[in-house]
Amino acid sequence: MNPDIARRFRRLGTLTIFAVYFVILVGGIVRASGAGMGCLTGLPVLDS
């Protein structure tokens, strides 16, 4: 494999790992703070 391509692939993998951990961290903060509970009764249902 070309060393330049290998370096790009490794950088992409590292960035992906950090992005996933960031999303998990933010999700945990939202869950712990209760901010995700904006709709207590769920989505509105339209009568047909």
C-alpha atoms as a PDB file:
ATOM      1  CA  MET A   1       0.000   0.000   0.000  1.00  0.00           C
ATOM      2  CA  ASN A   2       1.188   3.504  -0.761  1.00  0.00           C
ATOM      3  CA  PRO A   3       2.531   5.175   2.438  1.00  0.00           C
ATOM      4  CA  ASP A   4       0.517   8.334   1.722  1.00  0.00           C
ATOM      5  CA  ILE A   5      -2.702   6.336   1.434  1.00  0.00           C
ATOM      6  CA  ALA A   6      -1.878   4.398   4.622  1.00  0.00           C
ATOM      7  CA  ARG A   7      -1.285   7.660   6.510  1.00  0.00           C
ATOM      8  CA  ARG A   8      -4.591   9.100   5.266  1.00  0.00           C
ATOM      9  CA  PHE A   9      -6.428   5.908   6.208  1.00  0.00           C
ATOM     10  CA  ARG A  10      -4.914   5.938   9.704  1.00  0.00           C
ATOM     11  CA  ARG A  11      -5.852   9.607  10.127  1.00  0.00           C
ATOM     12  CA  LEU A  12      -9.418   8.895   8.999  1.00  0.00           C
ATOM     13  CA  GLY A  13      -9.670   5.994  11.447  1.00  0.00           C
ATOM     14  CA  THR A  14      -8.383   8.107  14.327  1.00  0.00           C
ATOM     15  CA  LEU A  15     -10.767  10.935  13.488  1.00  0.00           C
ATOM     16  CA  THR A  16     -13.664   8.475  13.299  1.00  0.00           C
ATOM     17  CA  ILE A  17     -12.844   7.031  16.720  1.00  0.00           C
ATOM     18  CA  PHE A  18     -12.722  10.497  18.302  1.00  0.00           C
ATOM     19  CA  ALA A  19     -15.981  11.478  16.592  1.00  0.00           C
ATOM     20  CA  VAL A  20     -17.760   8.375  17.912  1.00  0.00           C
ATOM     21  CA  TYR A  21     -16.527   9.002  21.463  1.00  0.00           C
ATOM     22  CA  PHE A  22     -17.614  12.646  21.182  1.00  0.00           C
ATOM     23  CA  VAL A  23     -21.130  11.619  20.108  1.00  0.00           C
ATOM     24  CA  ILE A  24     -21.335   9.126  22.981  1.00  0.00           C
ATOM     25  CA  LEU A  25     -20.128  11.783  25.442  1.00  0.00           C
ATOM     26  CA  VAL A  26     -22.645  14.366  24.231  1.00  0.00           C
ATOM     27  CA  GLY A  27     -25.412  11.755  24.328  1.00  0.00           C
ATOM     28  CA  GLY A  28     -24.508  10.940  27.919  1.00  0.00           C
ATOM     29  CA  ILE A  29     -24.614  14.615  28.862  1.00  0.00           C
ATOM     30  CA  VAL A  30     -28.020  15.025  27.216  1.00  0.00           C
ATOM     31  CA  ARG A  31     -29.301  11.904  28.944  1.00  0.00           C
ATOM     32  CA  ALA A  32     -27.977  12.928  32.357  1.00  0.00           C
ATOM     33  CA  SER A  33     -29.324  16.470  32.113  1.00  0.00           C
ATOM     34  CA  GLY A  34     -32.759  15.343  30.925  1.00  0.00           C
ATOM     35  CA  ALA A  35     -32.602  17.633  27.899  1.00  0.00           C
ATOM     36  CA  GLY A  36     -33.675  14.775  25.648  1.00  0.00           C
ATOM     37  CA  MET A  37     -37.043  14.592  27.371  1.00  0.00           C
ATOM     38  CA  GLY A  38     -38.487  17.598  25.513  1.00  0.00           C
ATOM     39  CA  CYS A  39     -41.597  15.706  24.356  1.00  0.00           C
ATOM     40  CA  LEU A  40     -42.978  14.025  27.438  1.00  0.00           C
ATOM     41  CA  THR A  41     -46.061  12.577  25.760  1.00  0.00           C
ATOM     42  CA  GLY A  42     -44.354  11.633  22.513  1.00  0.00           C
ATOM     43  CA  LEU A  43     -45.026  12.965  19.053  1.00  0.00           C
ATOM     44  CA  PRO A  44     -48.482  14.396  18.367  1.00  0.00           C
ATOM     45  CA  VAL A  45     -50.819  11.923  16.676  1.00  0.00           C
ATOM     46  CA  LEU A  46     -53.261  13.218  14.083  1.00  0.00           C
ATOM     47  CA  ASP A  47     -56.754  11.728  14.110  1.00  0.00           C
ATOM     48  CA  SER A  48     -57.701  10.168  10.787  1.00  0.00           C
END
